């Protein structure tokens, strides 16, 4: 509603593309690109956070975008007539209306990140998920692994 610019639809499609690639494939790609350059060390917790966030942000984007598109234009027009700025309209009206959708997207992304084993294992980052597998296969204790998995 507020911004019309060239290639808006193309950008919308491009922002969804990371969802098409699994996180562990992204990890393999980024390690292949940056491992020999010594510029960026991607094999740590910050690299894992970056990669998983990059792959999973489309969950939040898609839900937030649909929520913003469904909002009533009359409310915004009335706010403009009452001389509200675009920033105030966004922070006081638009964002609170979209908050449930954004929270749902963040929840979906968080649950998917918790279940992501391949990326953090490939990057060598110790996480809760890799801990479950270490207990299960390393210590051969399926009961403790099941108890750890049932925490979430």
N, C-alpha and C. Protein backbone atom coordinates (compact mmCIF):
# COMPACT_ATOMS: atom_id res chain seq x y z
N UNK A 1 0.82 -1.19 0.00
CA UNK A 1 0.00 0.00 0.00
C UNK A 1 0.86 1.25 0.00
N UNK A 2 1.88 1.30 0.85
CA UNK A 2 2.66 2.52 0.99
C UNK A 2 3.75 2.64 -0.07
N UNK A 3 4.27 1.52 -0.53
CA UNK A 3 5.42 1.58 -1.41
C UNK A 3 5.16 0.82 -2.69
N UNK A 4 5.21 1.53 -3.78
CA UNK A 4 5.17 0.93 -5.10
C UNK A 4 6.48 1.27 -5.78
N UNK A 5 7.21 0.26 -6.19
CA UNK A 5 8.49 0.49 -6.84
C UNK A 5 8.68 -0.58 -7.90
N UNK A 6 9.59 -0.33 -8.85
CA UNK A 6 9.81 -1.31 -9.91
C UNK A 6 10.33 -2.64 -9.33
N UNK A 7 9.96 -3.72 -9.97
CA UNK A 7 10.40 -5.08 -9.60
C UNK A 7 9.93 -5.49 -8.21
N UNK A 8 8.83 -4.94 -7.76
CA UNK A 8 8.29 -5.28 -6.44
C UNK A 8 7.88 -6.75 -6.39
N UNK A 9 7.23 -7.25 -7.43
CA UNK A 9 6.81 -8.65 -7.45
C UNK A 9 8.00 -9.59 -7.58
N UNK A 10 8.99 -9.20 -8.35
CA UNK A 10 10.20 -10.02 -8.48
C UNK A 10 10.92 -10.12 -7.14
N UNK A 11 11.02 -9.02 -6.43
CA UNK A 11 11.66 -9.03 -5.12
C UNK A 11 10.88 -9.91 -4.15
N UNK A 12 9.58 -9.90 -4.24
CA UNK A 12 8.76 -10.74 -3.37
C UNK A 12 9.04 -12.22 -3.61
N UNK A 13 9.23 -12.61 -4.86
CA UNK A 13 9.56 -14.00 -5.17
C UNK A 13 10.97 -14.34 -4.71
N UNK A 14 11.90 -13.42 -4.89
CA UNK A 14 13.29 -13.66 -4.48
C UNK A 14 13.39 -13.84 -2.97
N UNK A 15 12.58 -13.11 -2.22
CA UNK A 15 12.63 -13.22 -0.76
C UNK A 15 12.10 -14.57 -0.25
N UNK A 16 11.37 -15.29 -1.08
CA UNK A 16 10.85 -16.60 -0.69
C UNK A 16 11.82 -17.72 -1.05
N UNK A 17 12.74 -17.49 -1.97
CA UNK A 17 13.62 -18.55 -2.47
C UNK A 17 14.42 -19.30 -1.41
N UNK A 18 14.93 -18.68 -0.35
CA UNK A 18 15.69 -19.48 0.63
C UNK A 18 14.91 -20.62 1.24
N UNK A 19 13.59 -20.54 1.25
CA UNK A 19 12.76 -21.61 1.79
C UNK A 19 12.85 -22.86 0.92
N UNK A 20 13.23 -22.70 -0.35
CA UNK A 20 13.30 -23.83 -1.26
C UNK A 20 14.54 -24.69 -1.04
N UNK A 21 15.54 -24.18 -0.31
CA UNK A 21 16.78 -24.91 -0.11
C UNK A 21 16.89 -25.34 1.35
N UNK A 22 17.13 -26.62 1.60
CA UNK A 22 17.31 -27.05 3.00
C UNK A 22 18.52 -26.37 3.63
N UNK A 23 18.48 -26.22 4.94
CA UNK A 23 19.54 -25.50 5.65
C UNK A 23 20.88 -26.20 5.52
N UNK A 24 20.90 -27.52 5.52
CA UNK A 24 22.19 -28.20 5.43
C UNK A 24 22.82 -28.05 4.05
N UNK A 25 22.02 -27.91 3.00
CA UNK A 25 22.56 -27.64 1.67
C UNK A 25 23.15 -26.24 1.64
N UNK A 26 22.48 -25.28 2.28
CA UNK A 26 23.04 -23.93 2.39
C UNK A 26 24.35 -23.95 3.16
N UNK A 27 24.42 -24.75 4.22
CA UNK A 27 25.65 -24.84 5.01
C UNK A 27 26.79 -25.40 4.17
N UNK A 28 26.53 -26.44 3.41
CA UNK A 28 27.57 -27.01 2.55
C UNK A 28 28.02 -25.99 1.52
N UNK A 29 27.08 -25.25 0.95
CA UNK A 29 27.42 -24.24 -0.06
C UNK A 29 28.26 -23.12 0.54
N UNK A 30 27.84 -22.58 1.68
CA UNK A 30 28.58 -21.48 2.29
C UNK A 30 29.95 -21.91 2.77
N UNK A 31 30.08 -23.11 3.29
CA UNK A 31 31.40 -23.60 3.70
C UNK A 31 32.28 -23.76 2.47
N UNK A 32 31.73 -24.27 1.39
CA UNK A 32 32.50 -24.40 0.15
C UNK A 32 32.97 -23.06 -0.39
N UNK A 33 32.16 -22.03 -0.22
CA UNK A 33 32.53 -20.71 -0.72
C UNK A 33 33.54 -20.03 0.20
N UNK A 34 33.31 -20.06 1.51
CA UNK A 34 34.09 -19.25 2.44
C UNK A 34 35.21 -19.99 3.16
N UNK A 35 35.32 -21.31 3.01
CA UNK A 35 36.31 -22.04 3.80
C UNK A 35 37.74 -21.70 3.40
N UNK A 36 38.02 -21.59 2.12
CA UNK A 36 39.38 -21.33 1.67
C UNK A 36 39.77 -19.86 1.73
N UNK A 37 38.80 -18.97 1.82
CA UNK A 37 39.11 -17.54 1.76
C UNK A 37 39.64 -16.99 3.08
N UNK A 38 39.36 -17.64 4.20
CA UNK A 38 39.78 -17.18 5.53
C UNK A 38 39.25 -15.79 5.87
N UNK A 39 38.27 -15.32 5.14
CA UNK A 39 37.67 -14.02 5.43
C UNK A 39 36.58 -14.18 6.48
N UNK A 40 35.71 -15.16 6.26
CA UNK A 40 34.60 -15.40 7.17
C UNK A 40 34.70 -16.83 7.68
N UNK A 41 34.71 -16.98 9.01
CA UNK A 41 34.69 -18.31 9.61
C UNK A 41 33.24 -18.68 9.85
N UNK A 42 32.72 -19.55 9.00
CA UNK A 42 31.31 -19.90 9.05
C UNK A 42 31.05 -21.10 9.96
N UNK A 43 32.09 -21.82 10.34
CA UNK A 43 31.92 -23.05 11.15
C UNK A 43 31.93 -22.74 12.64
N UNK A 44 30.98 -21.95 13.08
CA UNK A 44 30.81 -21.65 14.50
C UNK A 44 29.34 -21.34 14.76
N UNK A 45 29.03 -20.99 15.98
CA UNK A 45 27.62 -20.76 16.35
C UNK A 45 27.03 -19.58 15.57
N UNK A 46 27.85 -18.56 15.29
CA UNK A 46 27.35 -17.39 14.57
C UNK A 46 27.05 -17.74 13.11
N UNK A 47 27.87 -18.58 12.52
CA UNK A 47 27.59 -19.05 11.16
C UNK A 47 26.33 -19.87 11.10
N UNK A 48 26.13 -20.73 12.11
CA UNK A 48 24.91 -21.54 12.16
C UNK A 48 23.68 -20.65 12.33
N UNK A 49 23.79 -19.65 13.19
CA UNK A 49 22.67 -18.72 13.39
C UNK A 49 22.35 -17.99 12.09
N UNK A 50 23.39 -17.52 11.40
CA UNK A 50 23.18 -16.82 10.13
C UNK A 50 22.51 -17.73 9.10
N UNK A 51 23.04 -18.94 8.93
CA UNK A 51 22.51 -19.83 7.91
C UNK A 51 21.08 -20.27 8.20
N UNK A 52 20.82 -20.65 9.43
CA UNK A 52 19.46 -21.11 9.76
C UNK A 52 18.47 -19.94 9.69
N UNK A 53 18.90 -18.76 10.11
CA UNK A 53 18.03 -17.58 9.99
C UNK A 53 17.75 -17.25 8.53
N UNK A 54 18.78 -17.35 7.69
CA UNK A 54 18.63 -17.05 6.27
C UNK A 54 17.65 -18.01 5.61
N UNK A 55 17.70 -19.27 5.99
CA UNK A 55 16.83 -20.27 5.37
C UNK A 55 15.41 -20.21 5.92
N UNK A 56 15.25 -19.82 7.18
CA UNK A 56 13.94 -19.90 7.81
C UNK A 56 13.18 -18.57 7.89
N UNK A 57 13.82 -17.44 7.54
CA UNK A 57 13.08 -16.18 7.63
C UNK A 57 11.87 -16.12 6.70
N UNK A 58 11.82 -16.88 5.58
CA UNK A 58 10.60 -16.81 4.76
C UNK A 58 9.33 -17.22 5.49
N UNK A 59 9.43 -18.05 6.53
CA UNK A 59 8.24 -18.36 7.33
C UNK A 59 7.64 -17.07 7.90
N UNK A 60 8.48 -16.26 8.49
CA UNK A 60 8.03 -15.00 9.08
C UNK A 60 7.59 -14.04 7.97
N UNK A 61 8.37 -13.98 6.90
CA UNK A 61 8.07 -13.06 5.81
C UNK A 61 6.70 -13.36 5.19
N UNK A 62 6.44 -14.62 4.89
CA UNK A 62 5.18 -14.97 4.22
C UNK A 62 3.97 -14.67 5.10
N UNK A 63 4.05 -15.04 6.38
CA UNK A 63 2.91 -14.79 7.27
C UNK A 63 2.72 -13.30 7.54
N UNK A 64 3.83 -12.58 7.73
CA UNK A 64 3.71 -11.13 7.98
C UNK A 64 3.20 -10.42 6.73
N UNK A 65 3.70 -10.81 5.57
CA UNK A 65 3.27 -10.18 4.32
C UNK A 65 1.77 -10.37 4.10
N UNK A 66 1.29 -11.59 4.30
CA UNK A 66 -0.14 -11.82 4.10
C UNK A 66 -0.97 -11.04 5.12
N UNK A 67 -0.47 -10.91 6.33
CA UNK A 67 -1.19 -10.13 7.34
C UNK A 67 -1.23 -8.65 6.97
N UNK A 68 -0.12 -8.12 6.50
CA UNK A 68 -0.09 -6.71 6.10
C UNK A 68 -0.98 -6.45 4.90
N UNK A 69 -1.04 -7.40 3.96
CA UNK A 69 -1.86 -7.21 2.77
C UNK A 69 -3.36 -7.29 3.08
N UNK A 70 -3.73 -8.00 4.12
CA UNK A 70 -5.14 -8.16 4.47
C UNK A 70 -5.69 -7.04 5.34
N UNK A 71 -4.84 -6.14 5.77
CA UNK A 71 -5.31 -5.07 6.65
C UNK A 71 -6.16 -4.06 5.87
N UNK A 72 -7.13 -3.51 6.54
CA UNK A 72 -8.09 -2.61 5.92
C UNK A 72 -7.44 -1.28 5.55
N UNK A 73 -7.66 -0.85 4.31
CA UNK A 73 -7.08 0.40 3.85
C UNK A 73 -7.80 1.61 4.45
N UNK A 74 -9.05 1.43 4.84
CA UNK A 74 -9.80 2.54 5.40
C UNK A 74 -9.19 3.03 6.71
N UNK A 75 -8.67 2.13 7.50
CA UNK A 75 -8.04 2.52 8.76
C UNK A 75 -6.83 3.40 8.49
N UNK A 76 -6.05 3.05 7.49
CA UNK A 76 -4.87 3.84 7.17
C UNK A 76 -5.24 5.19 6.57
N UNK A 77 -6.28 5.20 5.74
CA UNK A 77 -6.73 6.46 5.17
C UNK A 77 -7.26 7.39 6.25
N UNK A 78 -7.99 6.85 7.20
CA UNK A 78 -8.47 7.68 8.32
C UNK A 78 -7.32 8.20 9.16
N UNK A 79 -6.31 7.40 9.36
CA UNK A 79 -5.14 7.83 10.12
C UNK A 79 -4.41 8.95 9.39
N UNK A 80 -4.31 8.83 8.08
CA UNK A 80 -3.66 9.88 7.30
C UNK A 80 -4.46 11.18 7.37
N UNK A 81 -5.79 11.08 7.36
CA UNK A 81 -6.62 12.28 7.46
C UNK A 81 -6.46 12.95 8.82
N UNK A 82 -6.13 12.15 9.83
CA UNK A 82 -5.88 12.71 11.16
C UNK A 82 -4.42 13.11 11.34
N UNK A 83 -3.71 13.24 10.22
CA UNK A 83 -2.31 13.70 10.13
C UNK A 83 -1.32 12.82 10.88
N UNK A 84 -1.52 11.52 10.85
CA UNK A 84 -0.54 10.59 11.41
C UNK A 84 0.54 10.33 10.37
N UNK A 85 1.77 10.22 10.82
CA UNK A 85 2.87 9.94 9.91
C UNK A 85 2.86 8.45 9.55
N UNK A 86 3.59 8.12 8.47
CA UNK A 86 3.67 6.71 8.07
C UNK A 86 4.29 5.86 9.17
N UNK A 87 5.28 6.40 9.85
CA UNK A 87 5.93 5.66 10.94
C UNK A 87 4.95 5.39 12.07
N UNK A 88 4.17 6.39 12.42
CA UNK A 88 3.20 6.22 13.50
C UNK A 88 2.09 5.24 13.09
N UNK A 89 1.66 5.31 11.84
CA UNK A 89 0.65 4.37 11.36
C UNK A 89 1.20 2.95 11.43
N UNK A 90 2.46 2.79 11.04
CA UNK A 90 3.05 1.46 11.06
C UNK A 90 3.20 0.93 12.49
N UNK A 91 3.72 1.76 13.39
CA UNK A 91 3.99 1.28 14.75
C UNK A 91 2.73 1.16 15.61
N UNK A 92 1.75 2.00 15.38
CA UNK A 92 0.56 2.00 16.24
C UNK A 92 -0.61 1.19 15.68
N UNK A 93 -0.65 1.00 14.37
CA UNK A 93 -1.80 0.31 13.78
C UNK A 93 -1.37 -0.98 13.06
N UNK A 94 -0.48 -0.83 12.10
CA UNK A 94 -0.14 -1.95 11.24
C UNK A 94 0.59 -3.07 11.96
N UNK A 95 1.61 -2.72 12.72
CA UNK A 95 2.40 -3.74 13.42
C UNK A 95 1.59 -4.48 14.49
N UNK A 96 0.79 -3.79 15.32
CA UNK A 96 -0.03 -4.55 16.28
C UNK A 96 -1.04 -5.49 15.61
N UNK A 97 -1.57 -5.10 14.45
CA UNK A 97 -2.49 -5.99 13.75
C UNK A 97 -1.78 -7.22 13.19
N UNK A 98 -0.51 -7.06 12.83
CA UNK A 98 0.24 -8.17 12.25
C UNK A 98 0.98 -9.00 13.29
N UNK A 99 0.97 -8.57 14.54
CA UNK A 99 1.75 -9.25 15.59
C UNK A 99 1.42 -10.74 15.73
N UNK A 100 0.17 -11.18 15.69
CA UNK A 100 -0.08 -12.63 15.79
C UNK A 100 0.54 -13.43 14.65
N UNK A 101 0.48 -12.90 13.44
CA UNK A 101 1.08 -13.60 12.31
C UNK A 101 2.59 -13.65 12.42
N UNK A 102 3.19 -12.56 12.86
CA UNK A 102 4.64 -12.53 13.04
C UNK A 102 5.05 -13.51 14.14
N UNK A 103 4.29 -13.55 15.22
CA UNK A 103 4.60 -14.49 16.31
C UNK A 103 4.48 -15.94 15.84
N UNK A 104 3.49 -16.23 15.01
CA UNK A 104 3.34 -17.58 14.48
C UNK A 104 4.52 -17.93 13.58
N UNK A 105 4.95 -17.00 12.73
CA UNK A 105 6.10 -17.25 11.87
C UNK A 105 7.37 -17.48 12.65
N UNK A 106 7.58 -16.69 13.70
CA UNK A 106 8.76 -16.87 14.55
C UNK A 106 8.69 -18.22 15.27
N UNK A 107 7.51 -18.61 15.70
CA UNK A 107 7.35 -19.91 16.36
C UNK A 107 7.66 -21.06 15.41
N UNK A 108 7.14 -20.99 14.19
CA UNK A 108 7.43 -22.02 13.20
C UNK A 108 8.92 -22.09 12.89
N UNK A 109 9.55 -20.93 12.71
CA UNK A 109 10.98 -20.91 12.42
C UNK A 109 11.79 -21.45 13.58
N UNK A 110 11.39 -21.13 14.81
CA UNK A 110 12.10 -21.62 15.98
C UNK A 110 11.99 -23.14 16.10
N UNK A 111 10.79 -23.67 15.90
CA UNK A 111 10.62 -25.12 15.97
C UNK A 111 11.40 -25.83 14.87
N UNK A 112 11.43 -25.25 13.69
CA UNK A 112 12.21 -25.84 12.61
C UNK A 112 13.70 -25.76 12.90
N UNK A 113 14.14 -24.67 13.50
CA UNK A 113 15.56 -24.53 13.85
C UNK A 113 15.96 -25.53 14.94
N UNK A 114 15.07 -25.77 15.89
CA UNK A 114 15.36 -26.76 16.93
C UNK A 114 15.46 -28.16 16.36
N UNK A 115 14.70 -28.44 15.33
CA UNK A 115 14.71 -29.77 14.73
C UNK A 115 15.82 -29.94 13.69
N UNK A 116 16.53 -28.87 13.35
CA UNK A 116 17.55 -28.95 12.31
C UNK A 116 18.81 -29.60 12.86
N UNK A 117 19.07 -30.79 12.40
CA UNK A 117 20.24 -31.53 12.86
C UNK A 117 21.40 -31.43 11.86
N UNK A 118 21.09 -31.50 10.58
CA UNK A 118 22.13 -31.57 9.56
C UNK A 118 23.04 -30.37 9.51
N UNK A 119 22.48 -29.18 9.63
CA UNK A 119 23.27 -27.96 9.52
C UNK A 119 24.26 -27.84 10.67
N UNK A 120 23.77 -27.98 11.89
CA UNK A 120 24.65 -27.78 13.04
C UNK A 120 25.66 -28.92 13.15
N UNK A 121 25.29 -30.11 12.73
CA UNK A 121 26.24 -31.22 12.74
C UNK A 121 27.34 -30.98 11.72
N UNK A 122 26.98 -30.52 10.53
CA UNK A 122 27.97 -30.24 9.49
C UNK A 122 28.91 -29.12 9.90
N UNK A 123 28.37 -28.10 10.56
CA UNK A 123 29.20 -26.97 10.99
C UNK A 123 29.97 -27.27 12.27
N UNK A 124 29.65 -28.37 12.93
CA UNK A 124 30.36 -28.75 14.15
C UNK A 124 29.96 -27.94 15.36
N UNK A 125 28.73 -27.47 15.39
CA UNK A 125 28.25 -26.65 16.50
C UNK A 125 27.48 -27.54 17.47
N UNK A 126 27.89 -27.58 18.75
CA UNK A 126 27.15 -28.41 19.71
C UNK A 126 25.83 -27.74 20.10
N UNK A 127 24.74 -28.42 19.82
CA UNK A 127 23.41 -27.91 20.17
C UNK A 127 22.63 -29.00 20.88
N UNK A 128 21.43 -28.67 21.28
CA UNK A 128 20.57 -29.63 21.97
C UNK A 128 20.27 -30.83 21.07
N UNK A 129 20.01 -30.57 19.80
CA UNK A 129 19.69 -31.65 18.87
C UNK A 129 20.87 -32.58 18.68
N UNK A 130 22.07 -32.03 18.51
CA UNK A 130 23.24 -32.89 18.36
C UNK A 130 23.54 -33.62 19.67
N UNK A 131 23.20 -33.02 20.80
CA UNK A 131 23.37 -33.69 22.09
C UNK A 131 22.50 -34.93 22.21
N UNK A 132 21.28 -34.84 21.70
CA UNK A 132 20.38 -36.01 21.71
C UNK A 132 21.00 -37.15 20.90
N UNK A 133 21.54 -36.81 19.73
CA UNK A 133 22.16 -37.85 18.91
C UNK A 133 23.43 -38.40 19.54
N UNK A 134 24.21 -37.55 20.23
CA UNK A 134 25.41 -38.04 20.92
C UNK A 134 25.04 -39.02 22.03
N UNK A 135 24.00 -38.70 22.78
CA UNK A 135 23.55 -39.61 23.84
C UNK A 135 23.01 -40.90 23.23
N UNK A 136 22.25 -40.77 22.16
CA UNK A 136 21.63 -41.93 21.55
C UNK A 136 22.67 -42.87 20.93
N UNK A 137 23.54 -42.33 20.07
CA UNK A 137 24.49 -43.18 19.35
C UNK A 137 25.83 -43.33 20.07
N UNK A 138 26.32 -42.27 20.68
CA UNK A 138 27.62 -42.33 21.34
C UNK A 138 27.59 -43.14 22.62
N UNK A 139 26.59 -42.91 23.44
CA UNK A 139 26.47 -43.62 24.71
C UNK A 139 25.52 -44.82 24.62
N UNK A 140 24.87 -44.96 23.47
CA UNK A 140 23.90 -46.03 23.23
C UNK A 140 22.84 -46.09 24.32
N UNK A 141 22.35 -44.92 24.69
CA UNK A 141 21.33 -44.82 25.74
C UNK A 141 20.07 -44.22 25.14
N UNK A 142 19.20 -45.08 24.63
CA UNK A 142 18.00 -44.59 23.96
C UNK A 142 17.00 -43.99 24.94
N UNK A 143 17.00 -44.47 26.18
CA UNK A 143 16.04 -43.94 27.16
C UNK A 143 16.38 -42.49 27.50
N UNK A 144 17.65 -42.21 27.76
CA UNK A 144 18.05 -40.83 28.07
C UNK A 144 17.83 -39.92 26.87
N UNK A 145 18.11 -40.43 25.66
CA UNK A 145 17.89 -39.64 24.45
C UNK A 145 16.40 -39.32 24.28
N UNK A 146 15.54 -40.29 24.57
CA UNK A 146 14.10 -40.06 24.48
C UNK A 146 13.64 -39.06 25.53
N UNK A 147 14.22 -39.13 26.72
CA UNK A 147 13.88 -38.16 27.77
C UNK A 147 14.32 -36.76 27.37
N UNK A 148 15.51 -36.64 26.78
CA UNK A 148 15.97 -35.33 26.32
C UNK A 148 15.07 -34.79 25.22
N UNK A 149 14.67 -35.66 24.30
CA UNK A 149 13.83 -35.23 23.19
C UNK A 149 12.44 -34.83 23.64
N UNK A 150 11.96 -35.41 24.74
CA UNK A 150 10.62 -35.08 25.20
C UNK A 150 10.56 -33.76 25.97
N UNK A 151 11.70 -33.13 26.20
CA UNK A 151 11.72 -31.85 26.90
C UNK A 151 10.96 -30.80 26.09
N UNK A 152 11.10 -30.84 24.78
CA UNK A 152 10.40 -29.89 23.94
C UNK A 152 9.18 -30.55 23.41
